[in-house]
Amino acid sequence: LTLKTDNVFGDDGGVHQLAATTGSPEAGYTSTLTVPIDTSTEPTGGDAPGGGGPEGGSGGGPGGQPPSGAPAGGQQ
């Protein structure tokens, strides 16, 4: 698998995947990344996933003893 064959970016030469970074530890660093956006493509994608589990599902099993060696008073 390479940048040219990963089928993630259209140009796949790495130009839109790697930021240009300048600076130093003393002065700080600045990075820039040019990201083209194709506004002519019709948006697609799914909605947010449905919430909750199936109707009539159980609320979980009964509680049990905490593991040995747990912090006292529930504090960590």
N, C-alpha and C. Protein backbone atom coordinates (compact mmCIF):
# COMPACT_ATOMS: atom_id res chain seq x y z
N LEU A 1 0.84 -1.17 0.00
CA LEU A 1 0.00 0.00 0.00
C LEU A 1 0.89 1.24 0.00
N THR A 2 0.60 2.17 -0.88
CA THR A 2 1.36 3.41 -0.96
C THR A 2 0.39 4.59 -1.00
N LEU A 3 0.92 5.82 -0.91
CA LEU A 3 0.06 6.99 -1.03
C LEU A 3 -0.66 7.02 -2.37
N LYS A 4 -0.01 6.54 -3.41
CA LYS A 4 -0.63 6.56 -4.73
C LYS A 4 -1.71 5.51 -4.89
N THR A 5 -1.68 4.46 -4.08
CA THR A 5 -2.65 3.37 -4.24
C THR A 5 -3.64 3.26 -3.09
N ASP A 6 -3.54 4.13 -2.07
CA ASP A 6 -4.43 3.98 -0.91
C ASP A 6 -5.86 4.43 -1.18
N ASN A 7 -6.09 5.12 -2.28
CA ASN A 7 -7.43 5.53 -2.72
C ASN A 7 -8.12 6.46 -1.71
N VAL A 8 -7.33 7.23 -0.96
CA VAL A 8 -7.92 8.15 0.01
C VAL A 8 -7.99 9.56 -0.56
N PHE A 9 -6.91 10.05 -1.13
CA PHE A 9 -6.87 11.40 -1.69
C PHE A 9 -6.79 11.31 -3.21
N GLY A 10 -7.44 12.26 -3.88
CA GLY A 10 -7.47 12.25 -5.34
C GLY A 10 -6.13 12.49 -5.99
N ASP A 11 -5.29 13.36 -5.43
CA ASP A 11 -4.00 13.65 -6.05
C ASP A 11 -2.92 12.68 -5.61
N ASP A 12 -3.04 12.14 -4.45
CA ASP A 12 -2.19 11.08 -3.89
C ASP A 12 -0.69 11.19 -4.13
N GLY A 13 -0.17 12.37 -4.19
CA GLY A 13 1.27 12.51 -4.20
C GLY A 13 1.78 12.92 -2.83
N GLY A 14 0.89 13.09 -1.88
CA GLY A 14 1.27 13.49 -0.54
C GLY A 14 1.18 14.99 -0.32
N VAL A 15 0.97 15.77 -1.39
CA VAL A 15 0.97 17.23 -1.26
C VAL A 15 -0.14 17.72 -0.34
N HIS A 16 -1.26 17.04 -0.27
CA HIS A 16 -2.35 17.45 0.60
C HIS A 16 -2.43 16.62 1.87
N GLN A 17 -1.38 15.86 2.14
CA GLN A 17 -1.37 15.02 3.33
C GLN A 17 -0.26 15.40 4.30
N LEU A 18 0.69 16.19 3.84
CA LEU A 18 1.83 16.55 4.68
C LEU A 18 1.89 18.06 4.86
N ALA A 19 1.93 18.52 6.08
CA ALA A 19 1.98 19.95 6.36
C ALA A 19 3.39 20.49 6.16
N ALA A 20 3.49 21.75 5.76
CA ALA A 20 4.77 22.45 5.70
C ALA A 20 5.00 23.06 7.08
N THR A 21 6.10 22.72 7.72
CA THR A 21 6.36 23.16 9.09
C THR A 21 7.65 23.97 9.14
N THR A 22 7.59 25.12 9.82
CA THR A 22 8.77 25.95 10.02
C THR A 22 8.86 26.33 11.49
N GLY A 23 10.05 26.75 11.90
CA GLY A 23 10.22 27.22 13.26
C GLY A 23 11.33 26.49 13.99
N SER A 24 11.34 26.68 15.30
CA SER A 24 12.36 26.07 16.14
C SER A 24 11.77 25.83 17.52
N PRO A 25 12.44 25.03 18.34
CA PRO A 25 11.94 24.82 19.70
C PRO A 25 11.87 26.13 20.50
N GLU A 26 12.82 27.02 20.26
CA GLU A 26 12.85 28.28 20.99
C GLU A 26 11.73 29.22 20.56
N ALA A 27 11.52 29.34 19.25
CA ALA A 27 10.54 30.30 18.71
C ALA A 27 9.15 29.70 18.56
N GLY A 28 9.07 28.39 18.59
CA GLY A 28 7.80 27.72 18.34
C GLY A 28 7.69 27.31 16.88
N TYR A 29 6.73 26.49 16.60
CA TYR A 29 6.56 25.96 15.26
C TYR A 29 5.25 26.45 14.65
N THR A 30 5.24 26.56 13.34
CA THR A 30 4.04 26.90 12.58
C THR A 30 3.91 25.89 11.46
N SER A 31 2.72 25.34 11.31
CA SER A 31 2.47 24.39 10.22
C SER A 31 1.32 24.89 9.38
N THR A 32 1.43 24.69 8.08
CA THR A 32 0.34 25.03 7.17
C THR A 32 0.03 23.83 6.30
N LEU A 33 -1.24 23.68 6.00
CA LEU A 33 -1.69 22.57 5.17
C LEU A 33 -2.81 23.09 4.28
N THR A 34 -2.58 23.03 2.98
CA THR A 34 -3.59 23.47 2.03
C THR A 34 -4.51 22.29 1.72
N VAL A 35 -5.80 22.51 1.93
CA VAL A 35 -6.78 21.44 1.72
C VAL A 35 -7.81 21.92 0.71
N PRO A 36 -7.78 21.39 -0.51
CA PRO A 36 -8.79 21.80 -1.49
C PRO A 36 -10.14 21.18 -1.15
N ILE A 37 -11.20 21.93 -1.39
CA ILE A 37 -12.55 21.43 -1.15
C ILE A 37 -13.34 21.53 -2.44
N ASP A 38 -13.85 20.42 -2.90
CA ASP A 38 -14.63 20.37 -4.13
C ASP A 38 -16.08 20.71 -3.81
N THR A 39 -16.46 21.95 -4.05
CA THR A 39 -17.82 22.38 -3.74
C THR A 39 -18.81 22.02 -4.84
N SER A 40 -18.33 21.45 -5.94
CA SER A 40 -19.24 21.08 -7.03
C SER A 40 -19.80 19.68 -6.87
N THR A 41 -19.28 18.91 -5.93
CA THR A 41 -19.75 17.55 -5.72
C THR A 41 -20.94 17.56 -4.76
N GLU A 42 -21.99 16.85 -5.13
CA GLU A 42 -23.18 16.75 -4.28
C GLU A 42 -22.82 16.03 -2.98
N PRO A 43 -23.13 16.62 -1.82
CA PRO A 43 -22.81 15.96 -0.55
C PRO A 43 -23.53 14.62 -0.42
N THR A 44 -22.84 13.67 0.14
CA THR A 44 -23.44 12.36 0.41
C THR A 44 -23.02 11.94 1.81
N GLY A 45 -23.60 10.92 2.28
CA GLY A 45 -23.23 10.42 3.59
C GLY A 45 -24.47 10.03 4.36
N GLY A 46 -24.26 9.30 5.37
CA GLY A 46 -25.37 8.81 6.16
C GLY A 46 -25.76 9.76 7.26
N ASP A 47 -26.88 9.49 7.85
CA ASP A 47 -27.32 10.23 9.02
C ASP A 47 -26.61 9.66 10.25
N ALA A 48 -26.81 10.33 11.34
CA ALA A 48 -26.25 9.82 12.59
C ALA A 48 -26.87 8.46 12.89
N PRO A 49 -26.11 7.56 13.49
CA PRO A 49 -26.66 6.24 13.79
C PRO A 49 -27.83 6.34 14.77
N GLY A 50 -28.73 5.39 14.65
CA GLY A 50 -29.87 5.34 15.55
C GLY A 50 -29.42 5.08 16.98
N GLY A 51 -30.17 5.59 17.92
CA GLY A 51 -29.77 5.44 19.32
C GLY A 51 -30.43 4.25 19.98
N GLY A 52 -29.83 3.82 21.04
CA GLY A 52 -30.42 2.76 21.85
C GLY A 52 -30.29 1.37 21.26
N GLY A 53 -30.58 0.42 22.07
CA GLY A 53 -30.56 -0.97 21.64
C GLY A 53 -31.94 -1.43 21.25
N PRO A 54 -32.09 -2.71 21.00
CA PRO A 54 -33.40 -3.22 20.61
C PRO A 54 -34.40 -3.11 21.76
N GLU A 55 -35.68 -2.96 21.41
CA GLU A 55 -36.72 -2.88 22.45
C GLU A 55 -36.76 -4.17 23.24
N GLY A 56 -37.03 -4.03 24.53
CA GLY A 56 -37.15 -5.21 25.37
C GLY A 56 -35.83 -5.79 25.82
N GLY A 57 -34.72 -5.11 25.50
CA GLY A 57 -33.42 -5.61 25.91
C GLY A 57 -33.25 -5.53 27.41
N SER A 58 -32.38 -6.34 27.94
CA SER A 58 -32.16 -6.35 29.38
C SER A 58 -31.36 -5.13 29.80
N GLY A 59 -31.44 -4.80 31.06
CA GLY A 59 -30.71 -3.66 31.60
C GLY A 59 -29.34 -4.04 32.12
N GLY A 60 -28.88 -5.21 31.82
CA GLY A 60 -27.58 -5.66 32.32
C GLY A 60 -27.74 -6.69 33.41
N GLY A 61 -26.65 -7.26 33.80
CA GLY A 61 -26.68 -8.31 34.81
C GLY A 61 -26.66 -7.75 36.21
N PRO A 62 -26.78 -8.64 37.20
CA PRO A 62 -26.75 -8.19 38.59
C PRO A 62 -25.35 -7.70 38.96
N GLY A 63 -25.29 -6.82 39.95
CA GLY A 63 -23.99 -6.33 40.41
C GLY A 63 -23.25 -7.41 41.16
N GLY A 64 -22.01 -7.20 41.38
CA GLY A 64 -21.20 -8.18 42.10
C GLY A 64 -20.21 -7.50 43.00
N GLN A 65 -19.33 -8.28 43.56
CA GLN A 65 -18.29 -7.75 44.43
C GLN A 65 -17.26 -7.00 43.59
N PRO A 66 -16.75 -5.88 44.11
CA PRO A 66 -15.69 -5.18 43.38
C PRO A 66 -14.42 -6.03 43.39
N PRO A 67 -13.53 -5.81 42.46
CA PRO A 67 -12.29 -6.59 42.43
C PRO A 67 -11.47 -6.33 43.69
N SER A 68 -10.71 -7.32 44.09
CA SER A 68 -9.88 -7.16 45.28
C SER A 68 -8.80 -6.13 45.00
N GLY A 69 -8.43 -5.40 46.03
CA GLY A 69 -7.39 -4.40 45.86
C GLY A 69 -7.89 -3.08 45.32
N ALA A 70 -9.21 -2.92 45.24
CA ALA A 70 -9.76 -1.67 44.73
C ALA A 70 -9.49 -0.56 45.73
N PRO A 71 -9.34 0.69 45.28
CA PRO A 71 -9.11 1.80 46.22
C PRO A 71 -10.25 1.92 47.22
N ALA A 72 -9.94 2.27 48.45
CA ALA A 72 -10.95 2.43 49.49
C ALA A 72 -11.83 3.63 49.19
N GLY A 73 -13.10 3.52 49.46
CA GLY A 73 -14.00 4.64 49.28
C GLY A 73 -14.27 5.00 47.83
N GLY A 74 -13.89 4.17 46.91
CA GLY A 74 -14.15 4.43 45.51
C GLY A 74 -13.29 5.53 44.91
N GLN A 75 -12.25 5.96 45.62
CA GLN A 75 -11.39 7.01 45.09
C GLN A 75 -10.17 6.40 44.45
N GLN A 76 -9.72 7.09 43.42
CA GLN A 76 -8.56 6.58 42.70
C GLN A 76 -7.34 7.41 42.96
